[in-house]
Amino acid sequence: MTEPNPFRYGPTRGELWFWLWVSLGGLAMMSLAIIYHGFPGGPALAEVVGLPVVVFGYLGGRSVKRLTRRQHP
């Protein structure tokens, strides 16, 4: 009996490329906001730098990992 494809319900190759470009665009917009307004201090540091780095970094890293390992249907 053949093994089922474990990635058949995962994002397709096109979706992974889309999320990679979205994450790069989000990190670029965060960088432009920091350049334009200056580096934030206090609690704004978590909102302006921390959350985008975590969210877009995860999306980009996951997309790169799955694309390089060919873990897509």
PDB file of N, CA and C in Angstrom:
ATOM      1  N   MET A   1       0.843  -1.176   0.000  1.00  0.00           N
ATOM      2  CA  MET A   1       0.000   0.000   0.000  1.00  0.00           C
ATOM      3  C   MET A   1       0.892   1.244   0.000  1.00  0.00           C
ATOM      4  N   THR A   2       0.522   2.232  -0.744  1.00  0.00           N
ATOM      5  CA  THR A   2       1.330   3.445  -0.817  1.00  0.00           C
ATOM      6  C   THR A   2       0.968   4.382   0.324  1.00  0.00           C
ATOM      7  N   GLU A   3       1.970   5.154   0.732  1.00  0.00           N
ATOM      8  CA  GLU A   3       1.745   6.134   1.798  1.00  0.00           C
ATOM      9  C   GLU A   3       1.043   7.355   1.220  1.00  0.00           C
ATOM     10  N   PRO A   4       0.095   7.923   1.955  1.00  0.00           N
ATOM     11  CA  PRO A   4      -0.532   9.154   1.473  1.00  0.00           C
ATOM     12  C   PRO A   4       0.442  10.324   1.589  1.00  0.00           C
ATOM     13  N   ASN A   5       0.247  11.291   0.724  1.00  0.00           N
ATOM     14  CA  ASN A   5       1.092  12.476   0.740  1.00  0.00           C
ATOM     15  C   ASN A   5       0.780  13.300   1.988  1.00  0.00           C
ATOM     16  N   PRO A   6       1.751  13.495   2.916  1.00  0.00           N
ATOM     17  CA  PRO A   6       1.459  14.237   4.148  1.00  0.00           C
ATOM     18  C   PRO A   6       1.230  15.725   3.910  1.00  0.00           C
ATOM     19  N   PHE A   7       1.581  16.232   2.728  1.00  0.00           N
ATOM     20  CA  PHE A   7       1.447  17.665   2.453  1.00  0.00           C
ATOM     21  C   PHE A   7       0.269  17.982   1.542  1.00  0.00           C
ATOM     22  N   ARG A   8      -0.641  17.015   1.312  1.00  0.00           N
ATOM     23  CA  ARG A   8      -1.711  17.233   0.344  1.00  0.00           C
ATOM     24  C   ARG A   8      -2.695  18.318   0.776  1.00  0.00           C
ATOM     25  N   TYR A   9      -2.801  18.589   2.075  1.00  0.00           N
ATOM     26  CA  TYR A   9      -3.710  19.634   2.543  1.00  0.00           C
ATOM     27  C   TYR A   9      -2.980  20.922   2.888  1.00  0.00           C
ATOM     28  N   GLY A  10      -1.686  20.956   2.695  1.00  0.00           N
ATOM     29  CA  GLY A  10      -0.900  22.144   3.005  1.00  0.00           C
ATOM     30  C   GLY A  10      -0.987  23.174   1.899  1.00  0.00           C
ATOM     31  N   PRO A  11      -0.351  24.304   2.102  1.00  0.00           N
ATOM     32  CA  PRO A  11      -0.362  25.336   1.063  1.00  0.00           C
ATOM     33  C   PRO A  11       0.402  24.874  -0.176  1.00  0.00           C
ATOM     34  N   THR A  12      -0.099  25.296  -1.336  1.00  0.00           N
ATOM     35  CA  THR A  12       0.553  24.937  -2.586  1.00  0.00           C
ATOM     36  C   THR A  12       1.808  25.783  -2.780  1.00  0.00           C
ATOM     37  N   ARG A  13       2.564  25.451  -3.815  1.00  0.00           N
ATOM     38  CA  ARG A  13       3.797  26.189  -4.117  1.00  0.00           C
ATOM     39  C   ARG A  13       3.497  27.666  -4.380  1.00  0.00           C
ATOM     40  N   GLY A  14       2.435  27.935  -5.110  1.00  0.00           N
ATOM     41  CA  GLY A  14       2.053  29.320  -5.394  1.00  0.00           C
ATOM     42  C   GLY A  14       1.696  30.093  -4.135  1.00  0.00           C
ATOM     43  N   GLU A  15       0.975  29.437  -3.224  1.00  0.00           N
ATOM     44  CA  GLU A  15       0.628  30.102  -1.962  1.00  0.00           C
ATOM     45  C   GLU A  15       1.863  30.391  -1.126  1.00  0.00           C
ATOM     46  N   LEU A  16       2.807  29.465  -1.122  1.00  0.00           N
ATOM     47  CA  LEU A  16       4.035  29.696  -0.358  1.00  0.00           C
ATOM     48  C   LEU A  16       4.809  30.881  -0.923  1.00  0.00           C
ATOM     49  N   TRP A  17       4.881  31.005  -2.248  1.00  0.00           N
ATOM     50  CA  TRP A  17       5.543  32.162  -2.848  1.00  0.00           C
ATOM     51  C   TRP A  17       4.796  33.450  -2.504  1.00  0.00           C
ATOM     52  N   PHE A  18       3.466  33.394  -2.526  1.00  0.00           N
ATOM     53  CA  PHE A  18       2.664  34.558  -2.168  1.00  0.00           C
ATOM     54  C   PHE A  18       2.972  34.997  -0.744  1.00  0.00           C
ATOM     55  N   TRP A  19       2.969  34.050   0.213  1.00  0.00           N
ATOM     56  CA  TRP A  19       3.228  34.411   1.608  1.00  0.00           C
ATOM     57  C   TRP A  19       4.656  34.886   1.812  1.00  0.00           C
ATOM     58  N   LEU A  20       5.592  34.381   1.025  1.00  0.00           N
ATOM     59  CA  LEU A  20       6.964  34.876   1.110  1.00  0.00           C
ATOM     60  C   LEU A  20       7.028  36.335   0.697  1.00  0.00           C
ATOM     61  N   TRP A  21       6.377  36.684  -0.412  1.00  0.00           N
ATOM     62  CA  TRP A  21       6.382  38.083  -0.862  1.00  0.00           C
ATOM     63  C   TRP A  21       5.604  38.991   0.085  1.00  0.00           C
ATOM     64  N   VAL A  22       4.518  38.498   0.655  1.00  0.00           N
ATOM     65  CA  VAL A  22       3.760  39.294   1.642  1.00  0.00           C
ATOM     66  C   VAL A  22       4.627  39.578   2.865  1.00  0.00           C
ATOM     67  N   SER A  23       5.356  38.571   3.332  1.00  0.00           N
ATOM     68  CA  SER A  23       6.194  38.766   4.513  1.00  0.00           C
ATOM     69  C   SER A  23       7.343  39.732   4.218  1.00  0.00           C
ATOM     70  N   LEU A  24       7.939  39.620   3.042  1.00  0.00           N
ATOM     71  CA  LEU A  24       9.003  40.565   2.685  1.00  0.00           C
ATOM     72  C   LEU A  24       8.459  41.986   2.560  1.00  0.00           C
ATOM     73  N   GLY A  25       7.267  42.123   1.984  1.00  0.00           N
ATOM     74  CA  GLY A  25       6.639  43.439   1.879  1.00  0.00           C
ATOM     75  C   GLY A  25       6.304  44.021   3.245  1.00  0.00           C
ATOM     76  N   GLY A  26       5.812  43.188   4.152  1.00  0.00           N
ATOM     77  CA  GLY A  26       5.497  43.656   5.503  1.00  0.00           C
ATOM     78  C   GLY A  26       6.736  44.110   6.254  1.00  0.00           C
ATOM     79  N   LEU A  27       7.813  43.343   6.130  1.00  0.00           N
ATOM     80  CA  LEU A  27       9.061  43.752   6.791  1.00  0.00           C
ATOM     81  C   LEU A  27       9.630  45.022   6.161  1.00  0.00           C
ATOM     82  N   ALA A  28       9.466  45.178   4.849  1.00  0.00           N
ATOM     83  CA  ALA A  28       9.923  46.398   4.186  1.00  0.00           C
ATOM     84  C   ALA A  28       9.113  47.610   4.646  1.00  0.00           C
ATOM     85  N   MET A  29       7.792  47.444   4.779  1.00  0.00           N
ATOM     86  CA  MET A  29       6.964  48.565   5.263  1.00  0.00           C
ATOM     87  C   MET A  29       7.302  48.924   6.700  1.00  0.00           C
ATOM     88  N   MET A  30       7.600  47.918   7.532  1.00  0.00           N
ATOM     89  CA  MET A  30       8.006  48.195   8.902  1.00  0.00           C
ATOM     90  C   MET A  30       9.317  48.981   8.904  1.00  0.00           C
ATOM     91  N   SER A  31      10.247  48.584   8.052  1.00  0.00           N
ATOM     92  CA  SER A  31      11.528  49.297   7.969  1.00  0.00           C
ATOM     93  C   SER A  31      11.335  50.734   7.505  1.00  0.00           C
ATOM     94  N   LEU A  32      10.472  50.935   6.514  1.00  0.00           N
ATOM     95  CA  LEU A  32      10.203  52.301   6.044  1.00  0.00           C
ATOM     96  C   LEU A  32       9.557  53.148   7.139  1.00  0.00           C
ATOM     97  N   ALA A  33       8.666  52.578   7.913  1.00  0.00           N
ATOM     98  CA  ALA A  33       8.037  53.320   9.007  1.00  0.00           C
ATOM     99  C   ALA A  33       9.070  53.717  10.056  1.00  0.00           C
ATOM    100  N   ILE A  34      10.011  52.825  10.341  1.00  0.00           N
ATOM    101  CA  ILE A  34      11.059  53.144  11.315  1.00  0.00           C
ATOM    102  C   ILE A  34      11.984  54.214  10.770  1.00  0.00           C
ATOM    103  N   ILE A  35      12.317  54.132   9.497  1.00  0.00           N
ATOM    104  CA  ILE A  35      13.186  55.151   8.889  1.00  0.00           C
ATOM    105  C   ILE A  35      12.489  56.508   8.885  1.00  0.00           C
ATOM    106  N   TYR A  36      11.212  56.533   8.540  1.00  0.00           N
ATOM    107  CA  TYR A  36      10.475  57.789   8.423  1.00  0.00           C
ATOM    108  C   TYR A  36      10.181  58.424   9.786  1.00  0.00           C
ATOM    109  N   HIS A  37       9.753  57.615  10.757  1.00  0.00           N
ATOM    110  CA  HIS A  37       9.338  58.151  12.056  1.00  0.00           C
ATOM    111  C   HIS A  37      10.388  58.008  13.153  1.00  0.00           C
ATOM    112  N   GLY A  38      11.436  57.280  12.908  1.00  0.00           N
ATOM    113  CA  GLY A  38      12.438  57.051  13.938  1.00  0.00           C
ATOM    114  C   GLY A  38      12.130  55.793  14.734  1.00  0.00           C
ATOM    115  N   PHE A  39      13.121  55.322  15.461  1.00  0.00           N
ATOM    116  CA  PHE A  39      12.977  54.092  16.237  1.00  0.00           C
ATOM    117  C   PHE A  39      12.111  54.360  17.461  1.00  0.00           C
ATOM    118  N   PRO A  40      11.080  53.576  17.688  1.00  0.00           N
ATOM    119  CA  PRO A  40      10.169  53.826  18.813  1.00  0.00           C
ATOM    120  C   PRO A  40      10.790  53.427  20.141  1.00  0.00           C
ATOM    121  N   GLY A  41      10.253  53.971  21.185  1.00  0.00           N
ATOM    122  CA  GLY A  41      10.693  53.614  22.524  1.00  0.00           C
ATOM    123  C   GLY A  41       9.510  53.169  23.361  1.00  0.00           C
ATOM    124  N   GLY A  42       9.780  52.523  24.457  1.00  0.00           N
ATOM    125  CA  GLY A  42       8.727  52.090  25.370  1.00  0.00           C
ATOM    126  C   GLY A  42       7.872  50.974  24.795  1.00  0.00           C
ATOM    127  N   PRO A  43       6.579  50.991  25.133  1.00  0.00           N
ATOM    128  CA  PRO A  43       5.682  49.927  24.681  1.00  0.00           C
ATOM    129  C   PRO A  43       5.496  49.898  23.160  1.00  0.00           C
ATOM    130  N   ALA A  44       5.691  51.018  22.497  1.00  0.00           N
ATOM    131  CA  ALA A  44       5.534  51.049  21.036  1.00  0.00           C
ATOM    132  C   ALA A  44       6.564  50.169  20.346  1.00  0.00           C
ATOM    133  N   LEU A  45       7.670  49.900  21.015  1.00  0.00           N
ATOM    134  CA  LEU A  45       8.698  49.034  20.440  1.00  0.00           C
ATOM    135  C   LEU A  45       8.116  47.645  20.156  1.00  0.00           C
ATOM    136  N   ALA A  46       7.302  47.131  21.065  1.00  0.00           N
ATOM    137  CA  ALA A  46       6.698  45.816  20.868  1.00  0.00           C
ATOM    138  C   ALA A  46       5.693  45.831  19.723  1.00  0.00           C
ATOM    139  N   GLU A  47       4.944  46.934  19.594  1.00  0.00           N
ATOM    140  CA  GLU A  47       3.928  47.022  18.549  1.00  0.00           C
ATOM    141  C   GLU A  47       4.526  47.256  17.176  1.00  0.00           C
ATOM    142  N   VAL A  48       5.504  48.128  17.092  1.00  0.00           N
ATOM    143  CA  VAL A  48       6.036  48.529  15.796  1.00  0.00           C
ATOM    144  C   VAL A  48       7.116  47.583  15.296  1.00  0.00           C
ATOM    145  N   VAL A  49       7.886  47.015  16.186  1.00  0.00           N
ATOM    146  CA  VAL A  49       8.990  46.147  15.771  1.00  0.00           C
ATOM    147  C   VAL A  49       8.725  44.684  16.141  1.00  0.00           C
ATOM    148  N   GLY A  50       8.319  44.426  17.358  1.00  0.00           N
ATOM    149  CA  GLY A  50       8.203  43.054  17.835  1.00  0.00           C
ATOM    150  C   GLY A  50       7.178  42.216  17.099  1.00  0.00           C
ATOM    151  N   LEU A  51       5.948  42.687  17.036  1.00  0.00           N
ATOM    152  CA  LEU A  51       4.888  41.905  16.404  1.00  0.00           C
ATOM    153  C   LEU A  51       5.111  41.686  14.903  1.00  0.00           C
ATOM    154  N   PRO A  52       5.465  42.719  14.135  1.00  0.00           N
ATOM    155  CA  PRO A  52       5.714  42.457  12.709  1.00  0.00           C
ATOM    156  C   PRO A  52       6.872  41.495  12.466  1.00  0.00           C
ATOM    157  N   VAL A  53       7.926  41.598  13.270  1.00  0.00           N
ATOM    158  CA  VAL A  53       9.055  40.682  13.086  1.00  0.00           C
ATOM    159  C   VAL A  53       8.627  39.252  13.382  1.00  0.00           C
ATOM    160  N   VAL A  54       7.834  39.064  14.422  1.00  0.00           N
ATOM    161  CA  VAL A  54       7.377  37.710  14.763  1.00  0.00           C
ATOM    162  C   VAL A  54       6.446  37.165  13.680  1.00  0.00           C
ATOM    163  N   VAL A  55       5.434  37.935  13.292  1.00  0.00           N
ATOM    164  CA  VAL A  55       4.440  37.453  12.325  1.00  0.00           C
ATOM    165  C   VAL A  55       5.048  37.276  10.943  1.00  0.00           C
ATOM    166  N   PHE A  56       5.650  38.346  10.407  1.00  0.00           N
ATOM    167  CA  PHE A  56       6.194  38.257   9.058  1.00  0.00           C
ATOM    168  C   PHE A  56       7.440  37.379   9.010  1.00  0.00           C
ATOM    169  N   GLY A  57       8.203  37.357  10.084  1.00  0.00           N
ATOM    170  CA  GLY A  57       9.365  36.465  10.137  1.00  0.00           C
ATOM    171  C   GLY A  57       8.953  35.011  10.118  1.00  0.00           C
ATOM    172  N   TYR A  58       7.893  34.674  10.861  1.00  0.00           N
ATOM    173  CA  TYR A  58       7.394  33.297  10.858  1.00  0.00           C
ATOM    174  C   TYR A  58       6.872  32.913   9.478  1.00  0.00           C
ATOM    175  N   LEU A  59       6.050  33.785   8.878  1.00  0.00           N
ATOM    176  CA  LEU A  59       5.498  33.473   7.556  1.00  0.00           C
ATOM    177  C   LEU A  59       6.591  33.303   6.516  1.00  0.00           C
ATOM    178  N   GLY A  60       7.558  34.210   6.519  1.00  0.00           N
ATOM    179  CA  GLY A  60       8.648  34.117   5.556  1.00  0.00           C
ATOM    180  C   GLY A  60       9.528  32.907   5.794  1.00  0.00           C
ATOM    181  N   GLY A  61       9.860  32.655   7.046  1.00  0.00           N
ATOM    182  CA  GLY A  61      10.707  31.511   7.368  1.00  0.00           C
ATOM    183  C   GLY A  61      10.038  30.192   7.037  1.00  0.00           C
ATOM    184  N   ARG A  62       8.752  30.089   7.343  1.00  0.00           N
ATOM    185  CA  ARG A  62       8.009  28.870   7.023  1.00  0.00           C
ATOM    186  C   ARG A  62       7.935  28.659   5.515  1.00  0.00           C
ATOM    187  N   SER A  63       7.716  29.735   4.774  1.00  0.00           N
ATOM    188  CA  SER A  63       7.628  29.618   3.317  1.00  0.00           C
ATOM    189  C   SER A  63       8.967  29.196   2.719  1.00  0.00           C
ATOM    190  N   VAL A  64      10.050  29.819   3.173  1.00  0.00           N
ATOM    191  CA  VAL A  64      11.374  29.453   2.657  1.00  0.00           C
ATOM    192  C   VAL A  64      11.693  28.007   2.992  1.00  0.00           C
ATOM    193  N   LYS A  65      11.398  27.590   4.215  1.00  0.00           N
ATOM    194  CA  LYS A  65      11.683  26.214   4.626  1.00  0.00           C
ATOM    195  C   LYS A  65      10.913  25.215   3.769  1.00  0.00           C
ATOM    196  N   ARG A  66       9.638  25.463   3.584  1.00  0.00           N
ATOM    197  CA  ARG A  66       8.826  24.517   2.805  1.00  0.00           C
ATOM    198  C   ARG A  66       9.173  24.539   1.327  1.00  0.00           C
ATOM    199  N   LEU A  67       9.545  25.696   0.799  1.00  0.00           N
ATOM    200  CA  LEU A  67       9.925  25.752  -0.613  1.00  0.00           C
ATOM    201  C   LEU A  67      11.251  25.029  -0.848  1.00  0.00           C
ATOM    202  N   THR A  68      12.228  25.207   0.028  1.00  0.00           N
ATOM    203  CA  THR A  68      13.519  24.565  -0.174  1.00  0.00           C
ATOM    204  C   THR A  68      13.449  23.065   0.051  1.00  0.00           C
ATOM    205  N   ARG A  69      12.597  22.623   0.971  1.00  0.00           N
ATOM    206  CA  ARG A  69      12.457  21.178   1.241  1.00  0.00           C
ATOM    207  C   ARG A  69      11.408  20.528   0.345  1.00  0.00           C
ATOM    208  N   ARG A  70      10.760  21.309  -0.499  1.00  0.00           N
ATOM    209  CA  ARG A  70       9.698  20.842  -1.392  1.00  0.00           C
ATOM    210  C   ARG A  70       8.569  20.170  -0.612  1.00  0.00           C
ATOM    211  N   GLN A  71       8.179  20.799   0.482  1.00  0.00           N
ATOM    212  CA  GLN A  71       7.082  20.282   1.311  1.00  0.00           C
ATOM    213  C   GLN A  71       5.769  20.964   0.917  1.00  0.00           C
ATOM    214  N   HIS A  72       5.371  20.729  -0.308  1.00  0.00           N
ATOM    215  CA  HIS A  72       4.109  21.279  -0.808  1.00  0.00           C
ATOM    216  C   HIS A  72       3.522  20.301  -1.803  1.00  0.00           C
ATOM    217  N   PRO A  73       2.183  20.363  -1.977  1.00  0.00           N
ATOM    218  CA  PRO A  73       1.552  19.438  -2.922  1.00  0.00           C
ATOM    219  C   PRO A  73       1.829  19.835  -4.358  1.00  0.00           C
TER     220      PRO A  73
END
